[in-house]
Amino acid sequence: SVDSTDTPPNAAALGQPNITVGEALKD
């Protein structure tokens, strides 16, 4: 969901370990 606070599986690999699923989807 664009409101999800879960962490994307690739967050660390992309250098954004604190990004949420919602933020990643909207980016």
mmCIF file of all heavy atoms, coordinates in Angstrom:
data_MODEL
# 
_entry.id   MODEL 
# 
loop_
_atom_site.group_PDB 
_atom_site.id 
_atom_site.type_symbol 
_atom_site.label_atom_id 
_atom_site.label_alt_id 
_atom_site.label_comp_id 
_atom_site.label_asym_id 
_atom_site.label_entity_id 
_atom_site.label_seq_id 
_atom_site.pdbx_PDB_ins_code 
_atom_site.Cartn_x 
_atom_site.Cartn_y 
_atom_site.Cartn_z 
_atom_site.occupancy 
_atom_site.B_iso_or_equiv 
_atom_site.pdbx_formal_charge 
_atom_site.auth_seq_id 
_atom_site.auth_comp_id 
_atom_site.auth_asym_id 
_atom_site.auth_atom_id 
_atom_site.pdbx_PDB_model_num 
ATOM 1   N N   . SER A 1 1  ? 0.851  -1.183 0.000  1.00 0.00 ? 1  SER A N   1 
ATOM 2   C CA  . SER A 1 1  ? 0.000  0.000  0.000  1.00 0.00 ? 1  SER A CA  1 
ATOM 3   C C   . SER A 1 1  ? 0.891  1.238  0.000  1.00 0.00 ? 1  SER A C   1 
ATOM 4   O O   . SER A 1 1  ? 2.022  1.202  0.494  1.00 0.00 ? 1  SER A O   1 
ATOM 5   C CB  . SER A 1 1  ? -0.899 0.018  1.247  1.00 0.00 ? 1  SER A CB  1 
ATOM 6   O OG  . SER A 1 1  ? -1.520 1.275  1.412  1.00 0.00 ? 1  SER A OG  1 
ATOM 7   N N   . VAL A 1 2  ? 0.383  2.344  -0.531 1.00 0.00 ? 2  VAL A N   1 
ATOM 8   C CA  . VAL A 1 2  ? 1.141  3.591  -0.498 1.00 0.00 ? 2  VAL A CA  1 
ATOM 9   C C   . VAL A 1 2  ? 1.203  4.153  0.924  1.00 0.00 ? 2  VAL A C   1 
ATOM 10  O O   . VAL A 1 2  ? 1.920  5.130  1.178  1.00 0.00 ? 2  VAL A O   1 
ATOM 11  C CB  . VAL A 1 2  ? 0.545  4.637  -1.458 1.00 0.00 ? 2  VAL A CB  1 
ATOM 12  C CG1 . VAL A 1 2  ? 0.651  4.169  -2.906 1.00 0.00 ? 2  VAL A CG1 1 
ATOM 13  C CG2 . VAL A 1 2  ? -0.903 4.965  -1.088 1.00 0.00 ? 2  VAL A CG2 1 
ATOM 14  N N   . ASP A 1 3  ? 0.472  3.540  1.857  1.00 0.00 ? 3  ASP A N   1 
ATOM 15  C CA  . ASP A 1 3  ? 0.528  3.935  3.266  1.00 0.00 ? 3  ASP A CA  1 
ATOM 16  C C   . ASP A 1 3  ? 1.312  2.935  4.109  1.00 0.00 ? 3  ASP A C   1 
ATOM 17  O O   . ASP A 1 3  ? 1.453  3.120  5.317  1.00 0.00 ? 3  ASP A O   1 
ATOM 18  C CB  . ASP A 1 3  ? -0.888 4.065  3.840  1.00 0.00 ? 3  ASP A CB  1 
ATOM 19  C CG  . ASP A 1 3  ? -1.705 5.155  3.153  1.00 0.00 ? 3  ASP A CG  1 
ATOM 20  O OD1 . ASP A 1 3  ? -1.141 6.239  2.885  1.00 0.00 ? 3  ASP A OD1 1 
ATOM 21  O OD2 . ASP A 1 3  ? -2.894 4.924  2.878  1.00 0.00 ? 3  ASP A OD2 1 
ATOM 22  N N   . SER A 1 4  ? 1.823  1.877  3.489  1.00 0.00 ? 4  SER A N   1 
ATOM 23  C CA  . SER A 1 4  ? 2.515  0.823  4.224  1.00 0.00 ? 4  SER A CA  1 
ATOM 24  C C   . SER A 1 4  ? 3.817  1.336  4.834  1.00 0.00 ? 4  SER A C   1 
ATOM 25  O O   . SER A 1 4  ? 4.614  2.013  4.177  1.00 0.00 ? 4  SER A O   1 
ATOM 26  C CB  . SER A 1 4  ? 2.823  -0.354 3.294  1.00 0.00 ? 4  SER A CB  1 
ATOM 27  O OG  . SER A 1 4  ? 3.652  -1.302 3.931  1.00 0.00 ? 4  SER A OG  1 
ATOM 28  N N   . THR A 1 5  ? 4.049  0.969  6.094  1.00 0.00 ? 5  THR A N   1 
ATOM 29  C CA  . THR A 1 5  ? 5.294  1.333  6.773  1.00 0.00 ? 5  THR A CA  1 
ATOM 30  C C   . THR A 1 5  ? 6.287  0.170  6.783  1.00 0.00 ? 5  THR A C   1 
ATOM 31  O O   . THR A 1 5  ? 7.334  0.271  7.425  1.00 0.00 ? 5  THR A O   1 
ATOM 32  C CB  . THR A 1 5  ? 5.013  1.777  8.218  1.00 0.00 ? 5  THR A CB  1 
ATOM 33  O OG1 . THR A 1 5  ? 4.354  0.720  8.929  1.00 0.00 ? 5  THR A OG1 1 
ATOM 34  C CG2 . THR A 1 5  ? 4.143  3.021  8.239  1.00 0.00 ? 5  THR A CG2 1 
ATOM 35  N N   . ASP A 1 6  ? 5.981  -0.921 6.092  1.00 0.00 ? 6  ASP A N   1 
ATOM 36  C CA  . ASP A 1 6  ? 6.933  -2.024 5.969  1.00 0.00 ? 6  ASP A CA  1 
ATOM 37  C C   . ASP A 1 6  ? 8.161  -1.564 5.190  1.00 0.00 ? 6  ASP A C   1 
ATOM 38  O O   . ASP A 1 6  ? 8.125  -0.543 4.490  1.00 0.00 ? 6  ASP A O   1 
ATOM 39  C CB  . ASP A 1 6  ? 6.284  -3.218 5.261  1.00 0.00 ? 6  ASP A CB  1 
ATOM 40  C CG  . ASP A 1 6  ? 5.321  -3.976 6.159  1.00 0.00 ? 6  ASP A CG  1 
ATOM 41  O OD1 . ASP A 1 6  ? 5.264  -3.668 7.360  1.00 0.00 ? 6  ASP A OD1 1 
ATOM 42  O OD2 . ASP A 1 6  ? 4.623  -4.869 5.650  1.00 0.00 ? 6  ASP A OD2 1 
ATOM 43  N N   . THR A 1 7  ? 9.222  -2.342 5.289  1.00 0.00 ? 7  THR A N   1 
ATOM 44  C CA  . THR A 1 7  ? 10.466 -2.009 4.593  1.00 0.00 ? 7  THR A CA  1 
ATOM 45  C C   . THR A 1 7  ? 10.580 -2.805 3.294  1.00 0.00 ? 7  THR A C   1 
ATOM 46  O O   . THR A 1 7  ? 10.429 -4.025 3.313  1.00 0.00 ? 7  THR A O   1 
ATOM 47  C CB  . THR A 1 7  ? 11.685 -2.322 5.478  1.00 0.00 ? 7  THR A CB  1 
ATOM 48  O OG1 . THR A 1 7  ? 11.579 -1.592 6.709  1.00 0.00 ? 7  THR A OG1 1 
ATOM 49  C CG2 . THR A 1 7  ? 12.984 -1.944 4.773  1.00 0.00 ? 7  THR A CG2 1 
ATOM 50  N N   . PRO A 1 8  ? 10.853 -2.171 2.168  1.00 0.00 ? 8  PRO A N   1 
ATOM 51  C CA  . PRO A 1 8  ? 11.033 -2.912 0.912  1.00 0.00 ? 8  PRO A CA  1 
ATOM 52  C C   . PRO A 1 8  ? 12.242 -3.844 1.005  1.00 0.00 ? 8  PRO A C   1 
ATOM 53  O O   . PRO A 1 8  ? 13.247 -3.494 1.632  1.00 0.00 ? 8  PRO A O   1 
ATOM 54  C CB  . PRO A 1 8  ? 11.279 -1.806 -0.122 1.00 0.00 ? 8  PRO A CB  1 
ATOM 55  C CG  . PRO A 1 8  ? 10.792 -0.544 0.505  1.00 0.00 ? 8  PRO A CG  1 
ATOM 56  C CD  . PRO A 1 8  ? 10.995 -0.711 1.971  1.00 0.00 ? 8  PRO A CD  1 
ATOM 57  N N   . PRO A 1 9  ? 12.188 -5.011 0.383  1.00 0.00 ? 9  PRO A N   1 
ATOM 58  C CA  . PRO A 1 9  ? 13.328 -5.929 0.417  1.00 0.00 ? 9  PRO A CA  1 
ATOM 59  C C   . PRO A 1 9  ? 14.622 -5.331 -0.136 1.00 0.00 ? 9  PRO A C   1 
ATOM 60  O O   . PRO A 1 9  ? 15.717 -5.736 0.269  1.00 0.00 ? 9  PRO A O   1 
ATOM 61  C CB  . PRO A 1 9  ? 12.852 -7.097 -0.451 1.00 0.00 ? 9  PRO A CB  1 
ATOM 62  C CG  . PRO A 1 9  ? 11.370 -7.066 -0.339 1.00 0.00 ? 9  PRO A CG  1 
ATOM 63  C CD  . PRO A 1 9  ? 11.018 -5.613 -0.270 1.00 0.00 ? 9  PRO A CD  1 
ATOM 64  N N   . ASN A 1 10 ? 14.516 -4.375 -1.052 1.00 0.00 ? 10 ASN A N   1 
ATOM 65  C CA  . ASN A 1 10 ? 15.718 -3.811 -1.679 1.00 0.00 ? 10 ASN A CA  1 
ATOM 66  C C   . ASN A 1 10 ? 16.147 -2.476 -1.085 1.00 0.00 ? 10 ASN A C   1 
ATOM 67  O O   . ASN A 1 10 ? 17.009 -1.796 -1.644 1.00 0.00 ? 10 ASN A O   1 
ATOM 68  C CB  . ASN A 1 10 ? 15.498 -3.661 -3.188 1.00 0.00 ? 10 ASN A CB  1 
ATOM 69  C CG  . ASN A 1 10 ? 14.279 -2.799 -3.518 1.00 0.00 ? 10 ASN A CG  1 
ATOM 70  O OD1 . ASN A 1 10 ? 13.659 -2.212 -2.630 1.00 0.00 ? 10 ASN A OD1 1 
ATOM 71  N ND2 . ASN A 1 10 ? 13.932 -2.731 -4.795 1.00 0.00 ? 10 ASN A ND2 1 
ATOM 72  N N   . ALA A 1 11 ? 15.567 -2.083 0.045  1.00 0.00 ? 11 ALA A N   1 
ATOM 73  C CA  . ALA A 1 11 ? 15.846 -0.766 0.607  1.00 0.00 ? 11 ALA A CA  1 
ATOM 74  C C   . ALA A 1 11 ? 17.331 -0.563 0.912  1.00 0.00 ? 11 ALA A C   1 
ATOM 75  O O   . ALA A 1 11 ? 17.928 0.450  0.541  1.00 0.00 ? 11 ALA A O   1 
ATOM 76  C CB  . ALA A 1 11 ? 15.014 -0.541 1.869  1.00 0.00 ? 11 ALA A CB  1 
ATOM 77  N N   . ALA A 1 12 ? 17.939 -1.531 1.604  1.00 0.00 ? 12 ALA A N   1 
ATOM 78  C CA  . ALA A 1 12 ? 19.351 -1.394 1.976  1.00 0.00 ? 12 ALA A CA  1 
ATOM 79  C C   . ALA A 1 12 ? 20.242 -1.385 0.743  1.00 0.00 ? 12 ALA A C   1 
ATOM 80  O O   . ALA A 1 12 ? 21.197 -0.593 0.650  1.00 0.00 ? 12 ALA A O   1 
ATOM 81  C CB  . ALA A 1 12 ? 19.755 -2.518 2.916  1.00 0.00 ? 12 ALA A CB  1 
ATOM 82  N N   . ALA A 1 13 ? 19.943 -2.251 -0.224 1.00 0.00 ? 13 ALA A N   1 
ATOM 83  C CA  . ALA A 1 13 ? 20.772 -2.342 -1.426 1.00 0.00 ? 13 ALA A CA  1 
ATOM 84  C C   . ALA A 1 13 ? 20.744 -1.056 -2.234 1.00 0.00 ? 13 ALA A C   1 
ATOM 85  O O   . ALA A 1 13 ? 21.708 -0.718 -2.924 1.00 0.00 ? 13 ALA A O   1 
ATOM 86  C CB  . ALA A 1 13 ? 20.316 -3.513 -2.292 1.00 0.00 ? 13 ALA A CB  1 
ATOM 87  N N   . LEU A 1 14 ? 19.647 -0.317 -2.133 1.00 0.00 ? 14 LEU A N   1 
ATOM 88  C CA  . LEU A 1 14 ? 19.520 0.936  -2.866 1.00 0.00 ? 14 LEU A CA  1 
ATOM 89  C C   . LEU A 1 14 ? 19.975 2.133  -2.031 1.00 0.00 ? 14 LEU A C   1 
ATOM 90  O O   . LEU A 1 14 ? 19.802 3.287  -2.443 1.00 0.00 ? 14 LEU A O   1 
ATOM 91  C CB  . LEU A 1 14 ? 18.074 1.133  -3.325 1.00 0.00 ? 14 LEU A CB  1 
ATOM 92  C CG  . LEU A 1 14 ? 17.622 0.198  -4.457 1.00 0.00 ? 14 LEU A CG  1 
ATOM 93  C CD1 . LEU A 1 14 ? 16.130 0.317  -4.699 1.00 0.00 ? 14 LEU A CD1 1 
ATOM 94  C CD2 . LEU A 1 14 ? 18.401 0.490  -5.736 1.00 0.00 ? 14 LEU A CD2 1 
ATOM 95  N N   . GLY A 1 15 ? 20.562 1.852  -0.865 1.00 0.00 ? 15 GLY A N   1 
ATOM 96  C CA  . GLY A 1 15 ? 21.093 2.920  -0.032 1.00 0.00 ? 15 GLY A CA  1 
ATOM 97  C C   . GLY A 1 15 ? 20.050 3.738  0.689  1.00 0.00 ? 15 GLY A C   1 
ATOM 98  O O   . GLY A 1 15 ? 20.322 4.849  1.129  1.00 0.00 ? 15 GLY A O   1 
ATOM 99  N N   . GLN A 1 16 ? 18.832 3.180  0.847  1.00 0.00 ? 16 GLN A N   1 
ATOM 100 C CA  . GLN A 1 16 ? 17.754 3.884  1.544  1.00 0.00 ? 16 GLN A CA  1 
ATOM 101 C C   . GLN A 1 16 ? 17.137 2.951  2.589  1.00 0.00 ? 16 GLN A C   1 
ATOM 102 O O   . GLN A 1 16 ? 15.961 2.586  2.486  1.00 0.00 ? 16 GLN A O   1 
ATOM 103 C CB  . GLN A 1 16 ? 16.694 4.366  0.560  1.00 0.00 ? 16 GLN A CB  1 
ATOM 104 C CG  . GLN A 1 16 ? 17.227 5.305  -0.512 1.00 0.00 ? 16 GLN A CG  1 
ATOM 105 C CD  . GLN A 1 16 ? 16.131 5.842  -1.413 1.00 0.00 ? 16 GLN A CD  1 
ATOM 106 O OE1 . GLN A 1 16 ? 15.225 6.548  -0.977 1.00 0.00 ? 16 GLN A OE1 1 
ATOM 107 N NE2 . GLN A 1 16 ? 16.212 5.505  -2.696 1.00 0.00 ? 16 GLN A NE2 1 
ATOM 108 N N   . PRO A 1 17 ? 17.888 2.552  3.611  1.00 0.00 ? 17 PRO A N   1 
ATOM 109 C CA  . PRO A 1 17 ? 17.412 1.548  4.565  1.00 0.00 ? 17 PRO A CA  1 
ATOM 110 C C   . PRO A 1 17 ? 16.187 1.966  5.365  1.00 0.00 ? 17 PRO A C   1 
ATOM 111 O O   . PRO A 1 17 ? 15.489 1.111  5.916  1.00 0.00 ? 17 PRO A O   1 
ATOM 112 C CB  . PRO A 1 17 ? 18.621 1.338  5.485  1.00 0.00 ? 17 PRO A CB  1 
ATOM 113 C CG  . PRO A 1 17 ? 19.408 2.609  5.365  1.00 0.00 ? 17 PRO A CG  1 
ATOM 114 C CD  . PRO A 1 17 ? 19.244 3.042  3.951  1.00 0.00 ? 17 PRO A CD  1 
ATOM 115 N N   . ASN A 1 18 ? 15.906 3.252  5.439  1.00 0.00 ? 18 ASN A N   1 
ATOM 116 C CA  . ASN A 1 18 ? 14.786 3.737  6.253  1.00 0.00 ? 18 ASN A CA  1 
ATOM 117 C C   . ASN A 1 18 ? 13.534 4.051  5.443  1.00 0.00 ? 18 ASN A C   1 
ATOM 118 O O   . ASN A 1 18 ? 12.526 4.478  6.007  1.00 0.00 ? 18 ASN A O   1 
ATOM 119 C CB  . ASN A 1 18 ? 15.213 4.979  7.042  1.00 0.00 ? 18 ASN A CB  1 
ATOM 120 C CG  . ASN A 1 18 ? 16.331 4.685  8.020  1.00 0.00 ? 18 ASN A CG  1 
ATOM 121 O OD1 . ASN A 1 18 ? 16.324 3.654  8.692  1.00 0.00 ? 18 ASN A OD1 1 
ATOM 122 N ND2 . ASN A 1 18 ? 17.301 5.585  8.104  1.00 0.00 ? 18 ASN A ND2 1 
ATOM 123 N N   . ILE A 1 19 ? 13.589 3.849  4.141  1.00 0.00 ? 19 ILE A N   1 
ATOM 124 C CA  . ILE A 1 19 ? 12.419 4.136  3.312  1.00 0.00 ? 19 ILE A CA  1 
ATOM 125 C C   . ILE A 1 19 ? 11.334 3.097  3.566  1.00 0.00 ? 19 ILE A C   1 
ATOM 126 O O   . ILE A 1 19 ? 11.616 1.929  3.860  1.00 0.00 ? 19 ILE A O   1 
ATOM 127 C CB  . ILE A 1 19 ? 12.795 4.186  1.810  1.00 0.00 ? 19 ILE A CB  1 
ATOM 128 C CG1 . ILE A 1 19 ? 11.692 4.871  0.999  1.00 0.00 ? 19 ILE A CG1 1 
ATOM 129 C CG2 . ILE A 1 19 ? 13.079 2.783  1.270  1.00 0.00 ? 19 ILE A CG2 1 
ATOM 130 C CD1 . ILE A 1 19 ? 12.095 5.182  -0.432 1.00 0.00 ? 19 ILE A CD1 1 
ATOM 131 N N   . THR A 1 20 ? 10.092 3.501  3.497  1.00 0.00 ? 20 THR A N   1 
ATOM 132 C CA  . THR A 1 20 ? 8.975  2.573  3.671  1.00 0.00 ? 20 THR A CA  1 
ATOM 133 C C   . THR A 1 20 ? 8.459  2.096  2.323  1.00 0.00 ? 20 THR A C   1 
ATOM 134 O O   . THR A 1 20 ? 8.762  2.690  1.276  1.00 0.00 ? 20 THR A O   1 
ATOM 135 C CB  . THR A 1 20 ? 7.816  3.247  4.426  1.00 0.00 ? 20 THR A CB  1 
ATOM 136 O OG1 . THR A 1 20 ? 7.263  4.292  3.605  1.00 0.00 ? 20 THR A OG1 1 
ATOM 137 C CG2 . THR A 1 20 ? 8.288  3.836  5.754  1.00 0.00 ? 20 THR A CG2 1 
ATOM 138 N N   . VAL A 1 21 ? 7.675  1.028  2.350  1.00 0.00 ? 21 VAL A N   1 
ATOM 139 C CA  . VAL A 1 21 ? 7.054  0.531  1.122  1.00 0.00 ? 21 VAL A CA  1 
ATOM 140 C C   . VAL A 1 21 ? 6.203  1.624  0.480  1.00 0.00 ? 21 VAL A C   1 
ATOM 141 O O   . VAL A 1 21 ? 6.245  1.833  -0.743 1.00 0.00 ? 21 VAL A O   1 
ATOM 142 C CB  . VAL A 1 21 ? 6.200  -0.720 1.424  1.00 0.00 ? 21 VAL A CB  1 
ATOM 143 C CG1 . VAL A 1 21 ? 5.239  -1.020 0.262  1.00 0.00 ? 21 VAL A CG1 1 
ATOM 144 C CG2 . VAL A 1 21 ? 7.086  -1.923 1.689  1.00 0.00 ? 21 VAL A CG2 1 
ATOM 145 N N   . GLY A 1 22 ? 5.434  2.330  1.309  1.00 0.00 ? 22 GLY A N   1 
ATOM 146 C CA  . GLY A 1 22 ? 4.589  3.386  0.769  1.00 0.00 ? 22 GLY A CA  1 
ATOM 147 C C   . GLY A 1 22 ? 5.384  4.480  0.085  1.00 0.00 ? 22 GLY A C   1 
ATOM 148 O O   . GLY A 1 22 ? 5.042  4.938  -1.013 1.00 0.00 ? 22 GLY A O   1 
ATOM 149 N N   . GLU A 1 23 ? 6.473  4.899  0.733  1.00 0.00 ? 23 GLU A N   1 
ATOM 150 C CA  . GLU A 1 23 ? 7.312  5.945  0.148  1.00 0.00 ? 23 GLU A CA  1 
ATOM 151 C C   . GLU A 1 23 ? 7.974  5.462  -1.143 1.00 0.00 ? 23 GLU A C   1 
ATOM 152 O O   . GLU A 1 23 ? 8.077  6.214  -2.112 1.00 0.00 ? 23 GLU A O   1 
ATOM 153 C CB  . GLU A 1 23 ? 8.375  6.366  1.165  1.00 0.00 ? 23 GLU A CB  1 
ATOM 154 C CG  . GLU A 1 23 ? 7.807  7.105  2.371  1.00 0.00 ? 23 GLU A CG  1 
ATOM 155 C CD  . GLU A 1 23 ? 8.824  7.260  3.491  1.00 0.00 ? 23 GLU A CD  1 
ATOM 156 O OE1 . GLU A 1 23 ? 9.823  6.495  3.512  1.00 0.00 ? 23 GLU A OE1 1 
ATOM 157 O OE2 . GLU A 1 23 ? 8.611  8.127  4.356  1.00 0.00 ? 23 GLU A OE2 1 
ATOM 158 N N   . ALA A 1 24 ? 8.426  4.208  -1.129 1.00 0.00 ? 24 ALA A N   1 
ATOM 159 C CA  . ALA A 1 24 ? 9.075  3.652  -2.319 1.00 0.00 ? 24 ALA A CA  1 
ATOM 160 C C   . ALA A 1 24 ? 8.109  3.557  -3.486 1.00 0.00 ? 24 ALA A C   1 
ATOM 161 O O   . ALA A 1 24 ? 8.461  3.862  -4.634 1.00 0.00 ? 24 ALA A O   1 
ATOM 162 C CB  . ALA A 1 24 ? 9.655  2.271  -1.998 1.00 0.00 ? 24 ALA A CB  1 
ATOM 163 N N   . LEU A 1 25 ? 6.874  3.133  -3.222 1.00 0.00 ? 25 LEU A N   1 
ATOM 164 C CA  . LEU A 1 25 ? 5.889  3.027  -4.292 1.00 0.00 ? 25 LEU A CA  1 
ATOM 165 C C   . LEU A 1 25 ? 5.606  4.384  -4.929 1.00 0.00 ? 25 LEU A C   1 
ATOM 166 O O   . LEU A 1 25 ? 5.475  4.502  -6.155 1.00 0.00 ? 25 LEU A O   1 
ATOM 167 C CB  . LEU A 1 25 ? 4.589  2.419  -3.762 1.00 0.00 ? 25 LEU A CB  1 
ATOM 168 C CG  . LEU A 1 25 ? 4.572  0.920  -3.503 1.00 0.00 ? 25 LEU A CG  1 
ATOM 169 C CD1 . LEU A 1 25 ? 3.286  0.510  -2.800 1.00 0.00 ? 25 LEU A CD1 1 
ATOM 170 C CD2 . LEU A 1 25 ? 4.747  0.132  -4.797 1.00 0.00 ? 25 LEU A CD2 1 
ATOM 171 N N   . LYS A 1 26 ? 5.543  5.411  -4.127 1.00 0.00 ? 26 LYS A N   1 
ATOM 172 C CA  . LYS A 1 26 ? 5.201  6.743  -4.644 1.00 0.00 ? 26 LYS A CA  1 
ATOM 173 C C   . LYS A 1 26 ? 6.393  7.451  -5.288 1.00 0.00 ? 26 LYS A C   1 
ATOM 174 O O   . LYS A 1 26 ? 6.193  8.340  -6.123 1.00 0.00 ? 26 LYS A O   1 
ATOM 175 C CB  . LYS A 1 26 ? 4.618  7.597  -3.519 1.00 0.00 ? 26 LYS A CB  1 
ATOM 176 C CG  . LYS A 1 26 ? 3.232  7.151  -3.073 1.00 0.00 ? 26 LYS A CG  1 
ATOM 177 C CD  . LYS A 1 26 ? 2.643  8.053  -2.006 1.00 0.00 ? 26 LYS A CD  1 
ATOM 178 C CE  . LYS A 1 26 ? 3.298  7.855  -0.659 1.00 0.00 ? 26 LYS A CE  1 
ATOM 179 N NZ  . LYS A 1 26 ? 2.617  8.627  0.407  1.00 0.00 ? 26 LYS A NZ  1 
ATOM 180 N N   . ASP A 1 27 ? 7.603  7.061  -4.912 1.00 0.00 ? 27 ASP A N   1 
ATOM 181 C CA  . ASP A 1 27 ? 8.801  7.697  -5.455 1.00 0.00 ? 27 ASP A CA  1 
ATOM 182 C C   . ASP A 1 27 ? 8.891  7.456  -6.963 1.00 0.00 ? 27 ASP A C   1 
ATOM 183 O O   . ASP A 1 27 ? 8.813  6.331  -7.433 1.00 0.00 ? 27 ASP A O   1 
ATOM 184 C CB  . ASP A 1 27 ? 10.037 7.120  -4.756 1.00 0.00 ? 27 ASP A CB  1 
ATOM 185 C CG  . ASP A 1 27 ? 11.307 7.899  -5.056 1.00 0.00 ? 27 ASP A CG  1 
ATOM 186 O OD1 . ASP A 1 27 ? 11.633 8.050  -6.249 1.00 0.00 ? 27 ASP A OD1 1 
ATOM 187 O OD2 . ASP A 1 27 ? 11.973 8.326  -4.106 1.00 0.00 ? 27 ASP A OD2 1 
# 
